[in-house]
Each structure stands twice: as C-alpha cells, then as structure tokens.
Amino acid sequence: MKHIQAVIMGASGYTGAELLRLLLAHPY
C-alpha cells in the first residue's frame, strides 16, 4: 500500500498534537 503524505496545520495546538500522536502509530 502507498504511504500517505500528510500535513498537519496547527500542530502546536492540542488537536494537532493529538492527531499527530494518532497518525504516528499509523503504518501508512
């Protein structure tokens, strides 16, 4: 499966940080 390239806009806020935590566990 192809890896998805993602940008998180607003990564220094609570929502951005929580999303990043979840995405870092995603293998793709």
mmCIF file of all heavy atoms, coordinates in Angstrom:
data_MODEL
# 
_entry.id   MODEL 
# 
loop_
_atom_site.group_PDB 
_atom_site.id 
_atom_site.type_symbol 
_atom_site.label_atom_id 
_atom_site.label_alt_id 
_atom_site.label_comp_id 
_atom_site.label_asym_id 
_atom_site.label_entity_id 
_atom_site.label_seq_id 
_atom_site.pdbx_PDB_ins_code 
_atom_site.Cartn_x 
_atom_site.Cartn_y 
_atom_site.Cartn_z 
_atom_site.occupancy 
_atom_site.B_iso_or_equiv 
_atom_site.pdbx_formal_charge 
_atom_site.auth_seq_id 
_atom_site.auth_comp_id 
_atom_site.auth_asym_id 
_atom_site.auth_atom_id 
_atom_site.pdbx_PDB_model_num 
ATOM 1   N N   . MET A 1 1  ? 0.848  -1.182 0.000  1.00 0.00 ? 1  MET A N   1 
ATOM 2   C CA  . MET A 1 1  ? 0.000  0.000  0.000  1.00 0.00 ? 1  MET A CA  1 
ATOM 3   C C   . MET A 1 1  ? 0.890  1.241  0.000  1.00 0.00 ? 1  MET A C   1 
ATOM 4   O O   . MET A 1 1  ? 1.920  1.297  0.669  1.00 0.00 ? 1  MET A O   1 
ATOM 5   C CB  . MET A 1 1  ? -0.911 -0.005 1.220  1.00 0.00 ? 1  MET A CB  1 
ATOM 6   C CG  . MET A 1 1  ? -1.809 1.195  1.295  1.00 0.00 ? 1  MET A CG  1 
ATOM 7   S SD  . MET A 1 1  ? -3.003 1.023  2.627  1.00 0.00 ? 1  MET A SD  1 
ATOM 8   C CE  . MET A 1 1  ? -4.301 2.003  1.966  1.00 0.00 ? 1  MET A CE  1 
ATOM 9   N N   . LYS A 1 2  ? 0.459  2.257  -0.711 1.00 0.00 ? 2  LYS A N   1 
ATOM 10  C CA  . LYS A 1 2  ? 1.172  3.531  -0.792 1.00 0.00 ? 2  LYS A CA  1 
ATOM 11  C C   . LYS A 1 2  ? 1.096  4.285  0.529  1.00 0.00 ? 2  LYS A C   1 
ATOM 12  O O   . LYS A 1 2  ? 0.063  4.303  1.189  1.00 0.00 ? 2  LYS A O   1 
ATOM 13  C CB  . LYS A 1 2  ? 0.548  4.375  -1.911 1.00 0.00 ? 2  LYS A CB  1 
ATOM 14  C CG  . LYS A 1 2  ? 1.113  5.752  -2.031 1.00 0.00 ? 2  LYS A CG  1 
ATOM 15  C CD  . LYS A 1 2  ? 0.316  6.568  -3.040 1.00 0.00 ? 2  LYS A CD  1 
ATOM 16  C CE  . LYS A 1 2  ? 0.760  8.005  -2.929 1.00 0.00 ? 2  LYS A CE  1 
ATOM 17  N NZ  . LYS A 1 2  ? -0.236 8.969  -3.085 1.00 0.00 ? 2  LYS A NZ  1 
ATOM 18  N N   . HIS A 1 3  ? 2.200  4.927  0.901  1.00 0.00 ? 3  HIS A N   1 
ATOM 19  C CA  . HIS A 1 3  ? 2.191  5.768  2.092  1.00 0.00 ? 3  HIS A CA  1 
ATOM 20  C C   . HIS A 1 3  ? 1.496  7.095  1.783  1.00 0.00 ? 3  HIS A C   1 
ATOM 21  O O   . HIS A 1 3  ? 1.683  7.657  0.702  1.00 0.00 ? 3  HIS A O   1 
ATOM 22  C CB  . HIS A 1 3  ? 3.611  6.032  2.578  1.00 0.00 ? 3  HIS A CB  1 
ATOM 23  C CG  . HIS A 1 3  ? 4.208  4.847  3.235  1.00 0.00 ? 3  HIS A CG  1 
ATOM 24  N ND1 . HIS A 1 3  ? 5.028  3.966  2.576  1.00 0.00 ? 3  HIS A ND1 1 
ATOM 25  C CD2 . HIS A 1 3  ? 4.073  4.373  4.495  1.00 0.00 ? 3  HIS A CD2 1 
ATOM 26  C CE1 . HIS A 1 3  ? 5.389  3.014  3.402  1.00 0.00 ? 3  HIS A CE1 1 
ATOM 27  N NE2 . HIS A 1 3  ? 4.820  3.235  4.572  1.00 0.00 ? 3  HIS A NE2 1 
ATOM 28  N N   . ILE A 1 4  ? 0.729  7.579  2.722  1.00 0.00 ? 4  ILE A N   1 
ATOM 29  C CA  . ILE A 1 4  ? 0.030  8.850  2.591  1.00 0.00 ? 4  ILE A CA  1 
ATOM 30  C C   . ILE A 1 4  ? 0.899  9.935  3.214  1.00 0.00 ? 4  ILE A C   1 
ATOM 31  O O   . ILE A 1 4  ? 1.337  9.812  4.356  1.00 0.00 ? 4  ILE A O   1 
ATOM 32  C CB  . ILE A 1 4  ? -1.340 8.786  3.308  1.00 0.00 ? 4  ILE A CB  1 
ATOM 33  C CG1 . ILE A 1 4  ? -2.227 7.760  2.610  1.00 0.00 ? 4  ILE A CG1 1 
ATOM 34  C CG2 . ILE A 1 4  ? -1.999 10.154 3.362  1.00 0.00 ? 4  ILE A CG2 1 
ATOM 35  C CD1 . ILE A 1 4  ? -3.480 7.418  3.381  1.00 0.00 ? 4  ILE A CD1 1 
ATOM 36  N N   . GLN A 1 5  ? 1.149  10.987 2.441  1.00 0.00 ? 5  GLN A N   1 
ATOM 37  C CA  . GLN A 1 5  ? 1.933  12.120 2.914  1.00 0.00 ? 5  GLN A CA  1 
ATOM 38  C C   . GLN A 1 5  ? 0.960  13.143 3.503  1.00 0.00 ? 5  GLN A C   1 
ATOM 39  O O   . GLN A 1 5  ? 0.078  13.634 2.797  1.00 0.00 ? 5  GLN A O   1 
ATOM 40  C CB  . GLN A 1 5  ? 2.727  12.749 1.764  1.00 0.00 ? 5  GLN A CB  1 
ATOM 41  C CG  . GLN A 1 5  ? 3.715  11.787 1.114  1.00 0.00 ? 5  GLN A CG  1 
ATOM 42  C CD  . GLN A 1 5  ? 4.816  11.361 2.057  1.00 0.00 ? 5  GLN A CD  1 
ATOM 43  O OE1 . GLN A 1 5  ? 5.354  12.161 2.819  1.00 0.00 ? 5  GLN A OE1 1 
ATOM 44  N NE2 . GLN A 1 5  ? 5.145  10.085 2.020  1.00 0.00 ? 5  GLN A NE2 1 
ATOM 45  N N   . ALA A 1 6  ? 1.142  13.459 4.782  1.00 0.00 ? 6  ALA A N   1 
ATOM 46  C CA  . ALA A 1 6  ? 0.189  14.318 5.487  1.00 0.00 ? 6  ALA A CA  1 
ATOM 47  C C   . ALA A 1 6  ? 0.860  15.569 6.037  1.00 0.00 ? 6  ALA A C   1 
ATOM 48  O O   . ALA A 1 6  ? 2.001  15.524 6.500  1.00 0.00 ? 6  ALA A O   1 
ATOM 49  C CB  . ALA A 1 6  ? -0.454 13.549 6.641  1.00 0.00 ? 6  ALA A CB  1 
ATOM 50  N N   . VAL A 1 7  ? 0.109  16.662 6.002  1.00 0.00 ? 7  VAL A N   1 
ATOM 51  C CA  . VAL A 1 7  ? 0.500  17.912 6.640  1.00 0.00 ? 7  VAL A CA  1 
ATOM 52  C C   . VAL A 1 7  ? -0.528 18.194 7.724  1.00 0.00 ? 7  VAL A C   1 
ATOM 53  O O   . VAL A 1 7  ? -1.737 18.070 7.485  1.00 0.00 ? 7  VAL A O   1 
ATOM 54  C CB  . VAL A 1 7  ? 0.543  19.083 5.623  1.00 0.00 ? 7  VAL A CB  1 
ATOM 55  C CG1 . VAL A 1 7  ? 0.656  20.420 6.327  1.00 0.00 ? 7  VAL A CG1 1 
ATOM 56  C CG2 . VAL A 1 7  ? 1.686  18.891 4.644  1.00 0.00 ? 7  VAL A CG2 1 
ATOM 57  N N   . ILE A 1 8  ? -0.041 18.557 8.902  1.00 0.00 ? 8  ILE A N   1 
ATOM 58  C CA  . ILE A 1 8  ? -0.931 18.968 9.985  1.00 0.00 ? 8  ILE A CA  1 
ATOM 59  C C   . ILE A 1 8  ? -0.747 20.466 10.169 1.00 0.00 ? 8  ILE A C   1 
ATOM 60  O O   . ILE A 1 8  ? 0.331  20.930 10.544 1.00 0.00 ? 8  ILE A O   1 
ATOM 61  C CB  . ILE A 1 8  ? -0.621 18.232 11.305 1.00 0.00 ? 8  ILE A CB  1 
ATOM 62  C CG1 . ILE A 1 8  ? -0.811 16.728 11.119 1.00 0.00 ? 8  ILE A CG1 1 
ATOM 63  C CG2 . ILE A 1 8  ? -1.521 18.768 12.431 1.00 0.00 ? 8  ILE A CG2 1 
ATOM 64  C CD1 . ILE A 1 8  ? -0.418 15.907 12.340 1.00 0.00 ? 8  ILE A CD1 1 
ATOM 65  N N   . MET A 1 9  ? -1.796 21.211 9.880  1.00 0.00 ? 9  MET A N   1 
ATOM 66  C CA  . MET A 1 9  ? -1.777 22.658 10.055 1.00 0.00 ? 9  MET A CA  1 
ATOM 67  C C   . MET A 1 9  ? -2.373 22.965 11.424 1.00 0.00 ? 9  MET A C   1 
ATOM 68  O O   . MET A 1 9  ? -3.492 22.553 11.718 1.00 0.00 ? 9  MET A O   1 
ATOM 69  C CB  . MET A 1 9  ? -2.539 23.340 8.937  1.00 0.00 ? 9  MET A CB  1 
ATOM 70  C CG  . MET A 1 9  ? -1.965 22.966 7.567  1.00 0.00 ? 9  MET A CG  1 
ATOM 71  S SD  . MET A 1 9  ? -2.702 23.855 6.217  1.00 0.00 ? 9  MET A SD  1 
ATOM 72  C CE  . MET A 1 9  ? -1.703 25.337 6.271  1.00 0.00 ? 9  MET A CE  1 
ATOM 73  N N   . GLY A 1 10 ? -1.595 23.642 12.250 1.00 0.00 ? 10 GLY A N   1 
ATOM 74  C CA  . GLY A 1 10 ? -1.997 23.882 13.631 1.00 0.00 ? 10 GLY A CA  1 
ATOM 75  C C   . GLY A 1 10 ? -1.462 22.807 14.554 1.00 0.00 ? 10 GLY A C   1 
ATOM 76  O O   . GLY A 1 10 ? -2.088 22.444 15.547 1.00 0.00 ? 10 GLY A O   1 
ATOM 77  N N   . ALA A 1 11 ? -0.273 22.300 14.240 1.00 0.00 ? 11 ALA A N   1 
ATOM 78  C CA  . ALA A 1 11 ? 0.293  21.182 15.002 1.00 0.00 ? 11 ALA A CA  1 
ATOM 79  C C   . ALA A 1 11 ? 0.707  21.553 16.416 1.00 0.00 ? 11 ALA A C   1 
ATOM 80  O O   . ALA A 1 11 ? 0.887  20.669 17.252 1.00 0.00 ? 11 ALA A O   1 
ATOM 81  C CB  . ALA A 1 11 ? 1.499  20.611 14.243 1.00 0.00 ? 11 ALA A CB  1 
ATOM 82  N N   . SER A 1 12 ? 0.837  22.827 16.719 1.00 0.00 ? 12 SER A N   1 
ATOM 83  C CA  . SER A 1 12 ? 1.263  23.225 18.062 1.00 0.00 ? 12 SER A CA  1 
ATOM 84  C C   . SER A 1 12 ? 0.105  23.358 19.049 1.00 0.00 ? 12 SER A C   1 
ATOM 85  O O   . SER A 1 12 ? 0.316  23.644 20.226 1.00 0.00 ? 12 SER A O   1 
ATOM 86  C CB  . SER A 1 12 ? 2.046  24.541 18.024 1.00 0.00 ? 12 SER A CB  1 
ATOM 87  O OG  . SER A 1 12 ? 1.207  25.597 17.617 1.00 0.00 ? 12 SER A OG  1 
ATOM 88  N N   . GLY A 1 13 ? -1.106 23.108 18.583 1.00 0.00 ? 13 GLY A N   1 
ATOM 89  C CA  . GLY A 1 13 ? -2.273 23.134 19.462 1.00 0.00 ? 13 GLY A CA  1 
ATOM 90  C C   . GLY A 1 13 ? -2.639 21.738 19.927 1.00 0.00 ? 13 GLY A C   1 
ATOM 91  O O   . GLY A 1 13 ? -2.091 20.735 19.463 1.00 0.00 ? 13 GLY A O   1 
ATOM 92  N N   . TYR A 1 14 ? -3.577 21.671 20.848 1.00 0.00 ? 14 TYR A N   1 
ATOM 93  C CA  . TYR A 1 14 ? -3.987 20.394 21.424 1.00 0.00 ? 14 TYR A CA  1 
ATOM 94  C C   . TYR A 1 14 ? -4.490 19.417 20.356 1.00 0.00 ? 14 TYR A C   1 
ATOM 95  O O   . TYR A 1 14 ? -4.071 18.261 20.307 1.00 0.00 ? 14 TYR A O   1 
ATOM 96  C CB  . TYR A 1 14 ? -5.065 20.607 22.493 1.00 0.00 ? 14 TYR A CB  1 
ATOM 97  C CG  . TYR A 1 14 ? -5.615 19.319 23.037 1.00 0.00 ? 14 TYR A CG  1 
ATOM 98  C CD1 . TYR A 1 14 ? -4.891 18.591 23.970 1.00 0.00 ? 14 TYR A CD1 1 
ATOM 99  C CD2 . TYR A 1 14 ? -6.828 18.809 22.590 1.00 0.00 ? 14 TYR A CD2 1 
ATOM 100 C CE1 . TYR A 1 14 ? -5.367 17.383 24.456 1.00 0.00 ? 14 TYR A CE1 1 
ATOM 101 C CE2 . TYR A 1 14 ? -7.319 17.609 23.069 1.00 0.00 ? 14 TYR A CE2 1 
ATOM 102 C CZ  . TYR A 1 14 ? -6.579 16.901 23.998 1.00 0.00 ? 14 TYR A CZ  1 
ATOM 103 O OH  . TYR A 1 14 ? -7.059 15.694 24.470 1.00 0.00 ? 14 TYR A OH  1 
ATOM 104 N N   . THR A 1 15 ? -5.395 19.872 19.492 1.00 0.00 ? 15 THR A N   1 
ATOM 105 C CA  . THR A 1 15 ? -5.962 18.990 18.469 1.00 0.00 ? 15 THR A CA  1 
ATOM 106 C C   . THR A 1 15 ? -4.882 18.487 17.527 1.00 0.00 ? 15 THR A C   1 
ATOM 107 O O   . THR A 1 15 ? -4.838 17.298 17.195 1.00 0.00 ? 15 THR A O   1 
ATOM 108 C CB  . THR A 1 15 ? -7.067 19.710 17.676 1.00 0.00 ? 15 THR A CB  1 
ATOM 109 O OG1 . THR A 1 15 ? -8.075 20.142 18.593 1.00 0.00 ? 15 THR A OG1 1 
ATOM 110 C CG2 . THR A 1 15 ? -7.688 18.812 16.634 1.00 0.00 ? 15 THR A CG2 1 
ATOM 111 N N   . GLY A 1 16 ? -3.996 19.374 17.091 1.00 0.00 ? 16 GLY A N   1 
ATOM 112 C CA  . GLY A 1 16 ? -2.914 18.977 16.196 1.00 0.00 ? 16 GLY A CA  1 
ATOM 113 C C   . GLY A 1 16 ? -1.983 17.963 16.826 1.00 0.00 ? 16 GLY A C   1 
ATOM 114 O O   . GLY A 1 16 ? -1.574 16.990 16.183 1.00 0.00 ? 16 GLY A O   1 
ATOM 115 N N   . ALA A 1 17 ? -1.653 18.172 18.091 1.00 0.00 ? 17 ALA A N   1 
ATOM 116 C CA  . ALA A 1 17 ? -0.757 17.245 18.784 1.00 0.00 ? 17 ALA A CA  1 
ATOM 117 C C   . ALA A 1 17 ? -1.406 15.878 18.978 1.00 0.00 ? 17 ALA A C   1 
ATOM 118 O O   . ALA A 1 17 ? -0.750 14.840 18.811 1.00 0.00 ? 17 ALA A O   1 
ATOM 119 C CB  . ALA A 1 17 ? -0.334 17.831 20.128 1.00 0.00 ? 17 ALA A CB  1 
ATOM 120 N N   . GLU A 1 18 ? -2.675 15.852 19.321 1.00 0.00 ? 18 GLU A N   1 
ATOM 121 C CA  . GLU A 1 18 ? -3.376 14.572 19.480 1.00 0.00 ? 18 GLU A CA  1 
ATOM 122 C C   . GLU A 1 18 ? -3.488 13.836 18.150 1.00 0.00 ? 18 GLU A C   1 
ATOM 123 O O   . GLU A 1 18 ? -3.302 12.626 18.083 1.00 0.00 ? 18 GLU A O   1 
ATOM 124 C CB  . GLU A 1 18 ? -4.757 14.783 20.096 1.00 0.00 ? 18 GLU A CB  1 
ATOM 125 C CG  . GLU A 1 18 ? -4.719 14.908 21.595 1.00 0.00 ? 18 GLU A CG  1 
ATOM 126 C CD  . GLU A 1 18 ? -4.157 13.663 22.267 1.00 0.00 ? 18 GLU A CD  1 
ATOM 127 O OE1 . GLU A 1 18 ? -4.767 12.578 22.176 1.00 0.00 ? 18 GLU A OE1 1 
ATOM 128 O OE2 . GLU A 1 18 ? -3.084 13.776 22.881 1.00 0.00 ? 18 GLU A OE2 1 
ATOM 129 N N   . LEU A 1 19 ? -3.796 14.580 17.090 1.00 0.00 ? 19 LEU A N   1 
ATOM 130 C CA  . LEU A 1 19 ? -3.861 13.961 15.771 1.00 0.00 ? 19 LEU A CA  1 
ATOM 131 C C   . LEU A 1 19 ? -2.500 13.389 15.395 1.00 0.00 ? 19 LEU A C   1 
ATOM 132 O O   . LEU A 1 19 ? -2.410 12.260 14.905 1.00 0.00 ? 19 LEU A O   1 
ATOM 133 C CB  . LEU A 1 19 ? -4.318 14.979 14.721 1.00 0.00 ? 19 LEU A CB  1 
ATOM 134 C CG  . LEU A 1 19 ? -4.278 14.470 13.287 1.00 0.00 ? 19 LEU A CG  1 
ATOM 135 C CD1 . LEU A 1 19 ? -5.240 13.307 13.074 1.00 0.00 ? 19 LEU A CD1 1 
ATOM 136 C CD2 . LEU A 1 19 ? -4.578 15.597 12.322 1.00 0.00 ? 19 LEU A CD2 1 
ATOM 137 N N   . LEU A 1 20 ? -1.442 14.145 15.617 1.00 0.00 ? 20 LEU A N   1 
ATOM 138 C CA  . LEU A 1 20 ? -0.097 13.663 15.307 1.00 0.00 ? 20 LEU A CA  1 
ATOM 139 C C   . LEU A 1 20 ? 0.205  12.385 16.079 1.00 0.00 ? 20 LEU A C   1 
ATOM 140 O O   . LEU A 1 20 ? 0.740  11.421 15.522 1.00 0.00 ? 20 LEU A O   1 
ATOM 141 C CB  . LEU A 1 20 ? 0.945  14.734 15.616 1.00 0.00 ? 20 LEU A CB  1 
ATOM 142 C CG  . LEU A 1 20 ? 2.398  14.317 15.406 1.00 0.00 ? 20 LEU A CG  1 
ATOM 143 C CD1 . LEU A 1 20 ? 2.657  13.925 13.957 1.00 0.00 ? 20 LEU A CD1 1 
ATOM 144 C CD2 . LEU A 1 20 ? 3.332  15.435 15.837 1.00 0.00 ? 20 LEU A CD2 1 
ATOM 145 N N   . ARG A 1 21 ? -0.140 12.346 17.348 1.00 0.00 ? 21 ARG A N   1 
ATOM 146 C CA  . ARG A 1 21 ? 0.080  11.139 18.153 1.00 0.00 ? 21 ARG A CA  1 
ATOM 147 C C   . ARG A 1 21 ? -0.590 9.925  17.512 1.00 0.00 ? 21 ARG A C   1 
ATOM 148 O O   . ARG A 1 21 ? 0.005  8.844  17.410 1.00 0.00 ? 21 ARG A O   1 
ATOM 149 C CB  . ARG A 1 21 ? -0.458 11.357 19.572 1.00 0.00 ? 21 ARG A CB  1 
ATOM 150 C CG  . ARG A 1 21 ? -0.219 10.190 20.516 1.00 0.00 ? 21 ARG A CG  1 
ATOM 151 C CD  . ARG A 1 21 ? -0.833 10.458 21.877 1.00 0.00 ? 21 ARG A CD  1 
ATOM 152 N NE  . ARG A 1 21 ? -2.282 10.573 21.847 1.00 0.00 ? 21 ARG A NE  1 
ATOM 153 C CZ  . ARG A 1 21 ? -3.132 9.547  21.759 1.00 0.00 ? 21 ARG A CZ  1 
ATOM 154 N NH1 . ARG A 1 21 ? -2.670 8.314  21.688 1.00 0.00 ? 21 ARG A NH1 1 
ATOM 155 N NH2 . ARG A 1 21 ? -4.443 9.746  21.748 1.00 0.00 ? 21 ARG A NH2 1 
ATOM 156 N N   . LEU A 1 22 ? -1.809 10.111 17.029 1.00 0.00 ? 22 LEU A N   1 
ATOM 157 C CA  . LEU A 1 22 ? -2.533 9.008  16.383 1.00 0.00 ? 22 LEU A CA  1 
ATOM 158 C C   . LEU A 1 22 ? -1.917 8.633  15.038 1.00 0.00 ? 22 LEU A C   1 
ATOM 159 O O   . LEU A 1 22 ? -1.762 7.457  14.713 1.00 0.00 ? 22 LEU A O   1 
ATOM 160 C CB  . LEU A 1 22 ? -4.006 9.387  16.202 1.00 0.00 ? 22 LEU A CB  1 
ATOM 161 C CG  . LEU A 1 22 ? -4.806 9.563  17.493 1.00 0.00 ? 22 LEU A CG  1 
ATOM 162 C CD1 . LEU A 1 22 ? -6.163 10.169 17.194 1.00 0.00 ? 22 LEU A CD1 1 
ATOM 163 C CD2 . LEU A 1 22 ? -4.939 8.247  18.239 1.00 0.00 ? 22 LEU A CD2 1 
ATOM 164 N N   . LEU A 1 23 ? -1.561 9.651  14.249 1.00 0.00 ? 23 LEU A N   1 
ATOM 165 C CA  . LEU A 1 23 ? -1.002 9.376  12.922 1.00 0.00 ? 23 LEU A CA  1 
ATOM 166 C C   . LEU A 1 23 ? 0.364  8.707  12.996 1.00 0.00 ? 23 LEU A C   1 
ATOM 167 O O   . LEU A 1 23 ? 0.714  7.913  12.117 1.00 0.00 ? 23 LEU A O   1 
ATOM 168 C CB  . LEU A 1 23 ? -0.911 10.667 12.104 1.00 0.00 ? 23 LEU A CB  1 
ATOM 169 C CG  . LEU A 1 23 ? -2.239 11.288 11.678 1.00 0.00 ? 23 LEU A CG  1 
ATOM 170 C CD1 . LEU A 1 23 ? -1.993 12.580 10.912 1.00 0.00 ? 23 LEU A CD1 1 
ATOM 171 C CD2 . LEU A 1 23 ? -3.068 10.315 10.858 1.00 0.00 ? 23 LEU A CD2 1 
ATOM 172 N N   . LEU A 1 24 ? 1.150  9.014  14.018 1.00 0.00 ? 24 LEU A N   1 
ATOM 173 C CA  . LEU A 1 24 ? 2.468  8.381  14.155 1.00 0.00 ? 24 LEU A CA  1 
ATOM 174 C C   . LEU A 1 24 ? 2.364  6.873  14.359 1.00 0.00 ? 24 LEU A C   1 
ATOM 175 O O   . LEU A 1 24 ? 3.297  6.137  14.043 1.00 0.00 ? 24 LEU A O   1 
ATOM 176 C CB  . LEU A 1 24 ? 3.251  9.019  15.297 1.00 0.00 ? 24 LEU A CB  1 
ATOM 177 C CG  . LEU A 1 24 ? 3.777  10.425 15.013 1.00 0.00 ? 24 LEU A CG  1 
ATOM 178 C CD1 . LEU A 1 24 ? 4.374  11.035 16.279 1.00 0.00 ? 24 LEU A CD1 1 
ATOM 179 C CD2 . LEU A 1 24 ? 4.792  10.415 13.881 1.00 0.00 ? 24 LEU A CD2 1 
ATOM 180 N N   . ALA A 1 25 ? 1.225  6.409  14.835 1.00 0.00 ? 25 ALA A N   1 
ATOM 181 C CA  . ALA A 1 25 ? 1.012  4.978  15.028 1.00 0.00 ? 25 ALA A CA  1 
ATOM 182 C C   . ALA A 1 25 ? 0.470  4.299  13.773 1.00 0.00 ? 25 ALA A C   1 
ATOM 183 O O   . ALA A 1 25 ? 0.360  3.078  13.739 1.00 0.00 ? 25 ALA A O   1 
ATOM 184 C CB  . ALA A 1 25 ? 0.058  4.751  16.198 1.00 0.00 ? 25 ALA A CB  1 
ATOM 185 N N   . HIS A 1 26 ? 0.146  5.090  12.760 1.00 0.00 ? 26 HIS A N   1 
ATOM 186 C CA  . HIS A 1 26 ? -0.431 4.529  11.540 1.00 0.00 ? 26 HIS A CA  1 
ATOM 187 C C   . HIS A 1 26 ? 0.699  4.083  10.606 1.00 0.00 ? 26 HIS A C   1 
ATOM 188 O O   . HIS A 1 26 ? 1.575  4.876  10.270 1.00 0.00 ? 26 HIS A O   1 
ATOM 189 C CB  . HIS A 1 26 ? -1.305 5.567  10.839 1.00 0.00 ? 26 HIS A CB  1 
ATOM 190 C CG  . HIS A 1 26 ? -2.214 4.971  9.821  1.00 0.00 ? 26 HIS A CG  1 
ATOM 191 N ND1 . HIS A 1 26 ? -1.751 4.436  8.635  1.00 0.00 ? 26 HIS A ND1 1 
ATOM 192 C CD2 . HIS A 1 26 ? -3.558 4.813  9.808  1.00 0.00 ? 26 HIS A CD2 1 
ATOM 193 C CE1 . HIS A 1 26 ? -2.759 3.979  7.937  1.00 0.00 ? 26 HIS A CE1 1 
ATOM 194 N NE2 . HIS A 1 26 ? -3.871 4.186  8.625  1.00 0.00 ? 26 HIS A NE2 1 
ATOM 195 N N   . PRO A 1 27 ? 0.676  2.845  10.162 1.00 0.00 ? 27 PRO A N   1 
ATOM 196 C CA  . PRO A 1 27 ? 1.796  2.348  9.350  1.00 0.00 ? 27 PRO A CA  1 
ATOM 197 C C   . PRO A 1 27 ? 1.895  2.939  7.947  1.00 0.00 ? 27 PRO A C   1 
ATOM 198 O O   . PRO A 1 27 ? 2.947  2.822  7.309  1.00 0.00 ? 27 PRO A O   1 
ATOM 199 C CB  . PRO A 1 27 ? 1.531  0.836  9.283  1.00 0.00 ? 27 PRO A CB  1 
ATOM 200 C CG  . PRO A 1 27 ? 0.052  0.695  9.480  1.00 0.00 ? 27 PRO A CG  1 
ATOM 201 C CD  . PRO A 1 27 ? -0.340 1.815  10.409 1.00 0.00 ? 27 PRO A CD  1 
ATOM 202 N N   . TYR A 1 28 ? 0.835  3.561  7.447  1.00 0.00 ? 28 TYR A N   1 
ATOM 203 C CA  . TYR A 1 28 ? 0.858  4.070  6.076  1.00 0.00 ? 28 TYR A CA  1 
ATOM 204 C C   . TYR A 1 28 ? 0.816  5.593  5.983  1.00 0.00 ? 28 TYR A C   1 
ATOM 205 O O   . TYR A 1 28 ? 0.578  6.135  4.901  1.00 0.00 ? 28 TYR A O   1 
ATOM 206 C CB  . TYR A 1 28 ? -0.290 3.465  5.269  1.00 0.00 ? 28 TYR A CB  1 
ATOM 207 C CG  . TYR A 1 28 ? -0.150 1.970  5.134  1.00 0.00 ? 28 TYR A CG  1 
ATOM 208 C CD1 . TYR A 1 28 ? -1.022 1.113  5.784  1.00 0.00 ? 28 TYR A CD1 1 
ATOM 209 C CD2 . TYR A 1 28 ? 0.892  1.425  4.401  1.00 0.00 ? 28 TYR A CD2 1 
ATOM 210 C CE1 . TYR A 1 28 ? -0.884 -0.253 5.689  1.00 0.00 ? 28 TYR A CE1 1 
ATOM 211 C CE2 . TYR A 1 28 ? 1.044  0.054  4.301  1.00 0.00 ? 28 TYR A CE2 1 
ATOM 212 C CZ  . TYR A 1 28 ? 0.158  -0.784 4.945  1.00 0.00 ? 28 TYR A CZ  1 
ATOM 213 O OH  . TYR A 1 28 ? 0.312  -2.135 4.860  1.00 0.00 ? 28 TYR A OH  1 
# 
